[in-house]
């Protein structure tokens, strides 16, 4: 029991653990839409698209998370604009904006002299450095995003899997699709403190992909994905604490292990 209780004696670990669980659940729930709609590349694009916002905020000595949020939402809405009415395919728009945003971010960062230490936490996460104010921000944004998903559960379900029914019901499909893109963008921003830009996409995809192997209905998939995301966060944070490794990497690797177990179980079950 001391193995589990000793780290909890430190406030920074308590805050980090709570933040990790919140983000793990949030990414897992939103990730179900990413996996079911075949939008895994979108998560990666969103994660890297925030770099220009982070760089500009750093240059202006502003809040890095605010800069990340503005950039993520801007890219999400631009993707929605380019793909409106099928003018450009979604994967094409994502690829163009992903490359452009990443290139702009790298160009801006390369002009700085002391970016390495200051921006490393954005790139790789620093969950054990979560402050009380960070925790309130993470909790507030996560609650808001999950509340919107809960309220719009059925409309999101319809526009994701039955566009014809959405048109019949006269749902504002374009507005809902853009809103989903914005929610995904904000989810990536929320996850920066825990897993960083480099691994945010993994937490969107891996728990949801694991749940997809275990269940086929959306709501059970969300629940299973959230449990896997939370458990991966807890186990990964303890591994990070005891083995002195980057917390984001430990969390993602733990989620990957769960995926491998689920994949193996699925293969064994089908082979019988």
C-alpha atoms as a PDB file:
ATOM      1  CA  UNK A   1       0.000   0.000   0.000  1.00  0.00           C
ATOM      2  CA  UNK A   2       2.916   2.363   0.636  1.00  0.00           C
ATOM      3  CA  UNK A   3       3.704   2.122  -3.085  1.00  0.00           C
ATOM      4  CA  UNK A   4       0.326   3.740  -3.807  1.00  0.00           C
ATOM      5  CA  UNK A   5       0.070   6.084  -0.823  1.00  0.00           C
ATOM      6  CA  UNK A   6       3.570   7.551  -0.557  1.00  0.00           C
ATOM      7  CA  UNK A   7       3.341   9.738  -3.709  1.00  0.00           C
ATOM      8  CA  UNK A   8      -0.043  11.060  -2.543  1.00  0.00           C
ATOM      9  CA  UNK A   9       1.709  12.784   0.361  1.00  0.00           C
ATOM     10  CA  UNK A  10       2.877  15.436  -2.119  1.00  0.00           C
ATOM     11  CA  UNK A  11       0.438  18.088  -3.277  1.00  0.00           C
ATOM     12  CA  UNK A  12       2.035  18.321  -6.720  1.00  0.00           C
ATOM     13  CA  UNK A  13       1.345  14.614  -7.247  1.00  0.00           C
ATOM     14  CA  UNK A  14      -2.253  14.973  -6.084  1.00  0.00           C
ATOM     15  CA  UNK A  15      -2.851  17.832  -8.531  1.00  0.00           C
ATOM     16  CA  UNK A  16      -1.074  15.972 -11.314  1.00  0.00           C
ATOM     17  CA  UNK A  17      -3.076  12.816 -10.694  1.00  0.00           C
ATOM     18  CA  UNK A  18      -6.379  14.664 -10.764  1.00  0.00           C
ATOM     19  CA  UNK A  19      -5.411  16.587 -13.910  1.00  0.00           C
ATOM     20  CA  UNK A  20      -4.284  13.373 -15.626  1.00  0.00           C
ATOM     21  CA  UNK A  21      -7.547  11.587 -14.880  1.00  0.00           C
ATOM     22  CA  UNK A  22      -9.643  14.537 -16.077  1.00  0.00           C
ATOM     23  CA  UNK A  23      -7.688  14.831 -19.320  1.00  0.00           C
ATOM     24  CA  UNK A  24      -7.621  11.048 -19.780  1.00  0.00           C
ATOM     25  CA  UNK A  25     -11.417  10.905 -19.593  1.00  0.00           C
ATOM     26  CA  UNK A  26     -11.903  13.972 -21.801  1.00  0.00           C
ATOM     27  CA  UNK A  27      -9.574  12.771 -24.566  1.00  0.00           C
ATOM     28  CA  UNK A  28     -11.066   9.273 -24.430  1.00  0.00           C
ATOM     29  CA  UNK A  29     -14.657  10.499 -24.822  1.00  0.00           C
ATOM     30  CA  UNK A  30     -13.916  12.915 -27.683  1.00  0.00           C
ATOM     31  CA  UNK A  31     -11.624  10.299 -29.172  1.00  0.00           C
ATOM     32  CA  UNK A  32     -14.555   7.976 -29.847  1.00  0.00           C
ATOM     33  CA  UNK A  33     -15.757  10.360 -32.559  1.00  0.00           C
ATOM     34  CA  UNK A  34     -12.225  10.617 -33.924  1.00  0.00           C
ATOM     35  CA  UNK A  35     -11.896   6.820 -34.199  1.00  0.00           C
ATOM     36  CA  UNK A  36     -15.398   6.077 -35.477  1.00  0.00           C
ATOM     37  CA  UNK A  37     -15.214   8.789 -38.147  1.00  0.00           C
ATOM     38  CA  UNK A  38     -11.722   7.763 -39.243  1.00  0.00           C
ATOM     39  CA  UNK A  39     -10.271  11.121 -38.225  1.00  0.00           C
ATOM     40  CA  UNK A  40      -7.123   9.955 -36.414  1.00  0.00           C
ATOM     41  CA  UNK A  41      -5.015  12.232 -38.621  1.00  0.00           C
ATOM     42  CA  UNK A  42      -7.139  15.178 -37.464  1.00  0.00           C
ATOM     43  CA  UNK A  43      -6.059  14.682 -33.854  1.00  0.00           C
ATOM     44  CA  UNK A  44      -2.409  14.751 -34.859  1.00  0.00           C
ATOM     45  CA  UNK A  45      -2.961  17.788 -37.052  1.00  0.00           C
ATOM     46  CA  UNK A  46      -4.731  19.667 -34.261  1.00  0.00           C
ATOM     47  CA  UNK A  47      -1.965  18.855 -31.823  1.00  0.00           C
ATOM     48  CA  UNK A  48       0.733  20.297 -34.072  1.00  0.00           C
ATOM     49  CA  UNK A  49      -1.365  23.165 -35.392  1.00  0.00           C
ATOM     50  CA  UNK A  50      -1.184  24.943 -32.039  1.00  0.00           C
ATOM     51  CA  UNK A  51       2.562  25.559 -32.368  1.00  0.00           C
ATOM     52  CA  UNK A  52       2.196  28.942 -34.115  1.00  0.00           C
ATOM     53  CA  UNK A  53      -0.142  30.141 -31.369  1.00  0.00           C
ATOM     54  CA  UNK A  54       2.248  28.969 -28.662  1.00  0.00           C
ATOM     55  CA  UNK A  55       5.197  30.628 -30.397  1.00  0.00           C
ATOM     56  CA  UNK A  56       3.378  33.934 -30.900  1.00  0.00           C
ATOM     57  CA  UNK A  57       2.173  33.939 -27.286  1.00  0.00           C
ATOM     58  CA  UNK A  58       5.748  33.286 -26.158  1.00  0.00           C
ATOM     59  CA  UNK A  59       7.121  36.127 -28.282  1.00  0.00           C
ATOM     60  CA  UNK A  60       4.455  38.509 -26.936  1.00  0.00           C
ATOM     61  CA  UNK A  61       5.054  37.190 -23.378  1.00  0.00           C
ATOM     62  CA  UNK A  62       1.419  36.145 -23.127  1.00  0.00           C
ATOM     63  CA  UNK A  63      -0.285  33.014 -21.817  1.00  0.00           C
ATOM     64  CA  UNK A  64       0.882  29.995 -23.840  1.00  0.00           C
ATOM     65  CA  UNK A  65      -2.385  28.110 -23.333  1.00  0.00           C
ATOM     66  CA  UNK A  66      -4.411  31.059 -24.609  1.00  0.00           C
ATOM     67  CA  UNK A  67      -2.195  31.226 -27.681  1.00  0.00           C
ATOM     68  CA  UNK A  68      -2.581  27.478 -28.186  1.00  0.00           C
ATOM     69  CA  UNK A  69      -6.350  27.736 -27.855  1.00  0.00           C
ATOM     70  CA  UNK A  70      -6.679  30.552 -30.385  1.00  0.00           C
ATOM     71  CA  UNK A  71      -4.505  28.715 -32.912  1.00  0.00           C
ATOM     72  CA  UNK A  72      -6.337  25.396 -32.443  1.00  0.00           C
ATOM     73  CA  UNK A  73      -9.785  26.948 -32.855  1.00  0.00           C
ATOM     74  CA  UNK A  74      -8.624  28.957 -35.887  1.00  0.00           C
ATOM     75  CA  UNK A  75      -7.304  25.823 -37.612  1.00  0.00           C
ATOM     76  CA  UNK A  76     -10.470  23.864 -36.729  1.00  0.00           C
ATOM     77  CA  UNK A  77     -12.744  26.526 -38.223  1.00  0.00           C
ATOM     78  CA  UNK A  78     -10.527  26.863 -41.313  1.00  0.00           C
ATOM     79  CA  UNK A  79     -10.776  23.101 -41.889  1.00  0.00           C
ATOM     80  CA  UNK A  80     -14.556  23.461 -41.658  1.00  0.00           C
ATOM     81  CA  UNK A  81     -14.474  26.354 -44.141  1.00  0.00           C
ATOM     82  CA  UNK A  82     -12.345  24.511 -46.703  1.00  0.00           C
ATOM     83  CA  UNK A  83     -14.459  21.343 -46.535  1.00  0.00           C
ATOM     84  CA  UNK A  84     -17.816  23.102 -46.656  1.00  0.00           C
ATOM     85  CA  UNK A  85     -20.057  21.730 -49.416  1.00  0.00           C
ATOM     86  CA  UNK A  86     -17.355  19.223 -50.340  1.00  0.00           C
ATOM     87  CA  UNK A  87     -15.176  21.858 -52.034  1.00  0.00           C
ATOM     88  CA  UNK A  88     -12.079  20.148 -50.625  1.00  0.00           C
ATOM     89  CA  UNK A  89     -11.900  16.685 -49.085  1.00  0.00           C
ATOM     90  CA  UNK A  90     -11.463  16.693 -45.319  1.00  0.00           C
ATOM     91  CA  UNK A  91      -8.199  14.740 -45.297  1.00  0.00           C
ATOM     92  CA  UNK A  92      -6.769  17.077 -47.944  1.00  0.00           C
ATOM     93  CA  UNK A  93      -7.669  20.200 -45.954  1.00  0.00           C
ATOM     94  CA  UNK A  94      -6.243  18.662 -42.783  1.00  0.00           C
ATOM     95  CA  UNK A  95      -3.006  17.765 -44.553  1.00  0.00           C
ATOM     96  CA  UNK A  96      -2.571  21.262 -46.000  1.00  0.00           C
ATOM     97  CA  UNK A  97      -3.286  23.105 -42.749  1.00  0.00           C
ATOM     98  CA  UNK A  98      -1.302  20.630 -40.653  1.00  0.00           C
ATOM     99  CA  UNK A  99       1.816  21.167 -42.767  1.00  0.00           C
ATOM    100  CA  UNK A 100       1.328  24.937 -42.952  1.00  0.00           C
ATOM    101  CA  UNK A 101       0.727  25.407 -39.213  1.00  0.00           C
ATOM    102  CA  UNK A 102       3.579  23.112 -38.245  1.00  0.00           C
ATOM    103  CA  UNK A 103       5.960  24.882 -40.621  1.00  0.00           C
ATOM    104  CA  UNK A 104       4.919  28.306 -39.333  1.00  0.00           C
ATOM    105  CA  UNK A 105       5.341  27.153 -35.734  1.00  0.00           C
ATOM    106  CA  UNK A 106       8.816  25.756 -36.397  1.00  0.00           C
ATOM    107  CA  UNK A 107       9.795  28.937 -38.277  1.00  0.00           C
ATOM    108  CA  UNK A 108       8.700  31.137 -35.378  1.00  0.00           C
ATOM    109  CA  UNK A 109      10.339  28.961 -32.744  1.00  0.00           C
ATOM    110  CA  UNK A 110      13.596  28.861 -34.696  1.00  0.00           C
ATOM    111  CA  UNK A 111      13.869  32.647 -34.376  1.00  0.00           C
ATOM    112  CA  UNK A 112      13.962  32.431 -30.580  1.00  0.00           C
ATOM    113  CA  UNK A 113      17.154  32.118 -28.611  1.00  0.00           C
ATOM    114  CA  UNK A 114      15.902  30.524 -25.387  1.00  0.00           C
ATOM    115  CA  UNK A 115      12.883  28.510 -26.391  1.00  0.00           C
ATOM    116  CA  UNK A 116      14.187  25.036 -25.492  1.00  0.00           C
ATOM    117  CA  UNK A 117      13.440  25.004 -21.774  1.00  0.00           C
ATOM    118  CA  UNK A 118      10.391  27.261 -21.821  1.00  0.00           C
ATOM    119  CA  UNK A 119       8.524  25.424 -24.576  1.00  0.00           C
ATOM    120  CA  UNK A 120       9.597  21.871 -23.747  1.00  0.00           C
ATOM    121  CA  UNK A 121       6.640  21.495 -21.370  1.00  0.00           C
ATOM    122  CA  UNK A 122       4.255  22.390 -24.196  1.00  0.00           C
ATOM    123  CA  UNK A 123       5.876  19.808 -26.457  1.00  0.00           C
ATOM    124  CA  UNK A 124       6.170  16.954 -23.943  1.00  0.00           C
ATOM    125  CA  UNK A 125       3.873  17.859 -21.039  1.00  0.00           C
ATOM    126  CA  UNK A 126       4.610  18.488 -17.376  1.00  0.00           C
ATOM    127  CA  UNK A 127       1.748  17.042 -15.376  1.00  0.00           C
ATOM    128  CA  UNK A 128       3.679  17.129 -12.089  1.00  0.00           C
ATOM    129  CA  UNK A 129       4.022  20.884 -12.539  1.00  0.00           C
ATOM    130  CA  UNK A 130       0.256  21.503 -12.605  1.00  0.00           C
ATOM    131  CA  UNK A 131      -0.619  24.428 -10.345  1.00  0.00           C
ATOM    132  CA  UNK A 132      -3.924  24.960  -8.564  1.00  0.00           C
ATOM    133  CA  UNK A 133      -4.959  27.561 -11.163  1.00  0.00           C
ATOM    134  CA  UNK A 134      -4.012  25.172 -13.992  1.00  0.00           C
ATOM    135  CA  UNK A 135      -6.127  22.473 -12.382  1.00  0.00           C
ATOM    136  CA  UNK A 136      -9.159  24.753 -12.171  1.00  0.00           C
ATOM    137  CA  UNK A 137      -8.694  25.707 -15.825  1.00  0.00           C
ATOM    138  CA  UNK A 138      -8.336  22.081 -16.932  1.00  0.00           C
ATOM    139  CA  UNK A 139     -11.342  21.038 -14.859  1.00  0.00           C
ATOM    140  CA  UNK A 140     -13.533  23.916 -16.037  1.00  0.00           C
ATOM    141  CA  UNK A 141     -12.786  23.464 -19.734  1.00  0.00           C
ATOM    142  CA  UNK A 142     -13.137  19.689 -19.521  1.00  0.00           C
ATOM    143  CA  UNK A 143     -16.491  19.932 -17.736  1.00  0.00           C
ATOM    144  CA  UNK A 144     -17.762  22.421 -20.331  1.00  0.00           C
ATOM    145  CA  UNK A 145     -16.655  20.259 -23.270  1.00  0.00           C
ATOM    146  CA  UNK A 146     -18.147  17.073 -21.796  1.00  0.00           C
ATOM    147  CA  UNK A 147     -21.391  18.910 -20.973  1.00  0.00           C
ATOM    148  CA  UNK A 148     -21.728  20.062 -24.588  1.00  0.00           C
ATOM    149  CA  UNK A 149     -21.055  16.510 -25.807  1.00  0.00           C
ATOM    150  CA  UNK A 150     -23.731  15.177 -23.434  1.00  0.00           C
ATOM    151  CA  UNK A 151     -26.304  17.776 -24.506  1.00  0.00           C
ATOM    152  CA  UNK A 152     -25.631  17.253 -28.216  1.00  0.00           C
ATOM    153  CA  UNK A 153     -25.062  13.498 -28.006  1.00  0.00           C
ATOM    154  CA  UNK A 154     -27.894  12.563 -30.391  1.00  0.00           C
ATOM    155  CA  UNK A 155     -27.259  15.331 -32.982  1.00  0.00           C
ATOM    156  CA  UNK A 156     -23.541  14.459 -33.023  1.00  0.00           C
ATOM    157  CA  UNK A 157     -24.470  10.793 -33.447  1.00  0.00           C
ATOM    158  CA  UNK A 158     -26.754  11.535 -36.385  1.00  0.00           C
ATOM    159  CA  UNK A 159     -24.396  13.845 -38.298  1.00  0.00           C
ATOM    160  CA  UNK A 160     -21.516  11.410 -37.754  1.00  0.00           C
ATOM    161  CA  UNK A 161     -23.192   8.257 -39.028  1.00  0.00           C
ATOM    162  CA  UNK A 162     -26.328   9.188 -41.005  1.00  0.00           C
ATOM    163  CA  UNK A 163     -26.030  12.448 -43.005  1.00  0.00           C
ATOM    164  CA  UNK A 164     -29.256  11.647 -44.876  1.00  0.00           C
ATOM    165  CA  UNK A 165     -31.233  11.442 -41.623  1.00  0.00           C
ATOM    166  CA  UNK A 166     -29.546  14.649 -40.457  1.00  0.00           C
ATOM    167  CA  UNK A 167     -30.791  16.412 -43.604  1.00  0.00           C
ATOM    168  CA  UNK A 168     -34.283  14.933 -43.131  1.00  0.00           C
ATOM    169  CA  UNK A 169     -34.396  16.190 -39.540  1.00  0.00           C
ATOM    170  CA  UNK A 170     -33.069  19.552 -40.743  1.00  0.00           C
ATOM    171  CA  UNK A 171     -30.209  19.504 -38.290  1.00  0.00           C
ATOM    172  CA  UNK A 172     -27.628  22.303 -38.708  1.00  0.00           C
ATOM    173  CA  UNK A 173     -25.046  19.752 -39.829  1.00  0.00           C
ATOM    174  CA  UNK A 174     -22.393  22.288 -40.856  1.00  0.00           C
ATOM    175  CA  UNK A 175     -22.647  24.146 -37.552  1.00  0.00           C
ATOM    176  CA  UNK A 176     -22.504  20.915 -35.548  1.00  0.00           C
ATOM    177  CA  UNK A 177     -19.526  19.645 -37.526  1.00  0.00           C
ATOM    178  CA  UNK A 178     -17.635  22.890 -36.920  1.00  0.00           C
ATOM    179  CA  UNK A 179     -18.548  22.747 -33.245  1.00  0.00           C
ATOM    180  CA  UNK A 180     -17.148  19.224 -33.017  1.00  0.00           C
ATOM    181  CA  UNK A 181     -13.914  20.417 -34.627  1.00  0.00           C
ATOM    182  CA  UNK A 182     -13.684  23.245 -32.084  1.00  0.00           C
ATOM    183  CA  UNK A 183     -14.309  20.833 -29.198  1.00  0.00           C
ATOM    184  CA  UNK A 184     -11.532  18.581 -30.493  1.00  0.00           C
ATOM    185  CA  UNK A 185      -9.227  21.588 -30.757  1.00  0.00           C
ATOM    186  CA  UNK A 186      -9.978  22.643 -27.174  1.00  0.00           C
ATOM    187  CA  UNK A 187      -9.462  19.063 -25.995  1.00  0.00           C
ATOM    188  CA  UNK A 188      -5.967  19.102 -27.469  1.00  0.00           C
ATOM    189  CA  UNK A 189      -5.267  22.406 -25.689  1.00  0.00           C
ATOM    190  CA  UNK A 190      -6.510  21.007 -22.361  1.00  0.00           C
ATOM    191  CA  UNK A 191      -4.226  17.987 -22.731  1.00  0.00           C
ATOM    192  CA  UNK A 192      -1.072  20.067 -23.244  1.00  0.00           C
ATOM    193  CA  UNK A 193      -0.161  20.213 -19.557  1.00  0.00           C
ATOM    194  CA  UNK A 194      -0.368  16.446 -19.113  1.00  0.00           C
ATOM    195  CA  UNK A 195       0.932  14.838 -22.306  1.00  0.00           C
ATOM    196  CA  UNK A 196       2.051  17.785 -24.436  1.00  0.00           C
ATOM    197  CA  UNK A 197       1.664  18.498 -28.148  1.00  0.00           C
ATOM    198  CA  UNK A 198       3.658  15.479 -29.259  1.00  0.00           C
ATOM    199  CA  UNK A 199       1.421  12.923 -27.551  1.00  0.00           C
ATOM    200  CA  UNK A 200      -1.996  14.611 -27.418  1.00  0.00           C
ATOM    201  CA  UNK A 201      -3.188  12.802 -30.551  1.00  0.00           C
ATOM    202  CA  UNK A 202      -2.274   9.447 -28.997  1.00  0.00           C
ATOM    203  CA  UNK A 203      -4.565  10.053 -26.025  1.00  0.00           C
ATOM    204  CA  UNK A 204      -7.373  10.958 -28.409  1.00  0.00           C
ATOM    205  CA  UNK A 205      -6.984   7.767 -30.420  1.00  0.00           C
ATOM    206  CA  UNK A 206      -5.518   4.945 -28.301  1.00  0.00           C
ATOM    207  CA  UNK A 207      -8.135   4.594 -25.500  1.00  0.00           C
ATOM    208  CA  UNK A 208     -10.969   4.976 -28.018  1.00  0.00           C
ATOM    209  CA  UNK A 209      -9.413   2.425 -30.381  1.00  0.00           C
ATOM    210  CA  UNK A 210      -9.068   0.019 -27.459  1.00  0.00           C
ATOM    211  CA  UNK A 211     -12.722   0.495 -26.550  1.00  0.00           C
ATOM    212  CA  UNK A 212     -13.678  -0.036 -30.204  1.00  0.00           C
ATOM    213  CA  UNK A 213     -12.183  -3.527 -30.002  1.00  0.00           C
ATOM    214  CA  UNK A 214     -14.353  -4.311 -26.981  1.00  0.00           C
ATOM    215  CA  UNK A 215     -17.734  -2.809 -27.893  1.00  0.00           C
ATOM    216  CA  UNK A 216     -19.539  -1.538 -30.986  1.00  0.00           C
ATOM    217  CA  UNK A 217     -22.159   0.856 -29.569  1.00  0.00           C
ATOM    218  CA  UNK A 218     -21.235   4.510 -29.106  1.00  0.00           C
ATOM    219  CA  UNK A 219     -22.249   5.123 -25.493  1.00  0.00           C
ATOM    220  CA  UNK A 220     -20.672   1.922 -24.079  1.00  0.00           C
ATOM    221  CA  UNK A 221     -17.617   2.718 -26.189  1.00  0.00           C
ATOM    222  CA  UNK A 222     -17.412   6.151 -24.575  1.00  0.00           C
ATOM    223  CA  UNK A 223     -17.668   4.655 -21.086  1.00  0.00           C
ATOM    224  CA  UNK A 224     -15.036   1.964 -21.722  1.00  0.00           C
ATOM    225  CA  UNK A 225     -12.767   4.483 -23.432  1.00  0.00           C
ATOM    226  CA  UNK A 226     -13.080   6.887 -20.488  1.00  0.00           C
ATOM    227  CA  UNK A 227     -12.213   4.100 -18.016  1.00  0.00           C
ATOM    228  CA  UNK A 228      -9.169   3.127 -20.066  1.00  0.00           C
ATOM    229  CA  UNK A 229      -8.090   6.757 -20.387  1.00  0.00           C
ATOM    230  CA  UNK A 230      -8.408   7.346 -16.637  1.00  0.00           C
ATOM    231  CA  UNK A 231      -6.646   4.098 -15.708  1.00  0.00           C
ATOM    232  CA  UNK A 232      -3.837   4.765 -18.194  1.00  0.00           C
ATOM    233  CA  UNK A 233      -3.363   8.200 -16.659  1.00  0.00           C
ATOM    234  CA  UNK A 234      -3.151   6.854 -13.112  1.00  0.00           C
ATOM    235  CA  UNK A 235      -0.812   3.959 -13.932  1.00  0.00           C
ATOM    236  CA  UNK A 236       1.321   6.122 -16.218  1.00  0.00           C
ATOM    237  CA  UNK A 237       1.715   8.849 -13.602  1.00  0.00           C
ATOM    238  CA  UNK A 238       2.856   6.355 -10.963  1.00  0.00           C
ATOM    239  CA  UNK A 239       5.358   4.896 -13.436  1.00  0.00           C
ATOM    240  CA  UNK A 240       6.567   8.406 -14.189  1.00  0.00           C
ATOM    241  CA  UNK A 241       7.035   9.127 -10.492  1.00  0.00           C
ATOM    242  CA  UNK A 242       8.918   5.948  -9.595  1.00  0.00           C
ATOM    243  CA  UNK A 243      11.012   5.540 -12.751  1.00  0.00           C
ATOM    244  CA  UNK A 244      11.696   9.247 -13.329  1.00  0.00           C
ATOM    245  CA  UNK A 245      10.453   9.308 -16.912  1.00  0.00           C
ATOM    246  CA  UNK A 246       8.375  11.881 -18.793  1.00  0.00           C
ATOM    247  CA  UNK A 247       4.802  11.649 -17.537  1.00  0.00           C
ATOM    248  CA  UNK A 248       3.164  12.071 -20.950  1.00  0.00           C
ATOM    249  CA  UNK A 249       5.202   9.258 -22.461  1.00  0.00           C
ATOM    250  CA  UNK A 250       4.425   6.951 -19.531  1.00  0.00           C
ATOM    251  CA  UNK A 251       0.692   7.628 -19.839  1.00  0.00           C
ATOM    252  CA  UNK A 252       0.609   7.018 -23.595  1.00  0.00           C
ATOM    253  CA  UNK A 253       2.726   3.858 -23.345  1.00  0.00           C
ATOM    254  CA  UNK A 254       0.380   2.521 -20.662  1.00  0.00           C
ATOM    255  CA  UNK A 255      -2.615   3.192 -22.924  1.00  0.00           C
ATOM    256  CA  UNK A 256      -0.786   1.402 -25.739  1.00  0.00           C
ATOM    257  CA  UNK A 257      -0.254  -1.658 -23.521  1.00  0.00           C
ATOM    258  CA  UNK A 258      -4.005  -1.760 -22.833  1.00  0.00           C
ATOM    259  CA  UNK A 259      -4.617  -1.583 -26.581  1.00  0.00           C
ATOM    260  CA  UNK A 260      -2.246  -4.501 -27.202  1.00  0.00           C
ATOM    261  CA  UNK A 261      -4.003  -6.595 -24.555  1.00  0.00           C
ATOM    262  CA  UNK A 262      -7.413  -5.798 -26.075  1.00  0.00           C
ATOM    263  CA  UNK A 263      -6.126  -6.594 -29.569  1.00  0.00           C
ATOM    264  CA  UNK A 264      -4.681  -9.914 -28.386  1.00  0.00           C
ATOM    265  CA  UNK A 265      -7.894 -10.812 -26.560  1.00  0.00           C
ATOM    266  CA  UNK A 266      -9.916  -9.976 -29.687  1.00  0.00           C
ATOM    267  CA  UNK A 267      -7.722 -12.163 -31.885  1.00  0.00           C
ATOM    268  CA  UNK A 268      -7.908 -15.078 -29.436  1.00  0.00           C
ATOM    269  CA  UNK A 269     -11.681 -14.742 -29.148  1.00  0.00           C
ATOM    270  CA  UNK A 270     -12.210 -14.728 -32.919  1.00  0.00           C
ATOM    271  CA  UNK A 271      -9.852 -17.646 -33.490  1.00  0.00           C
ATOM    272  CA  UNK A 272     -11.925 -19.941 -31.298  1.00  0.00           C
END
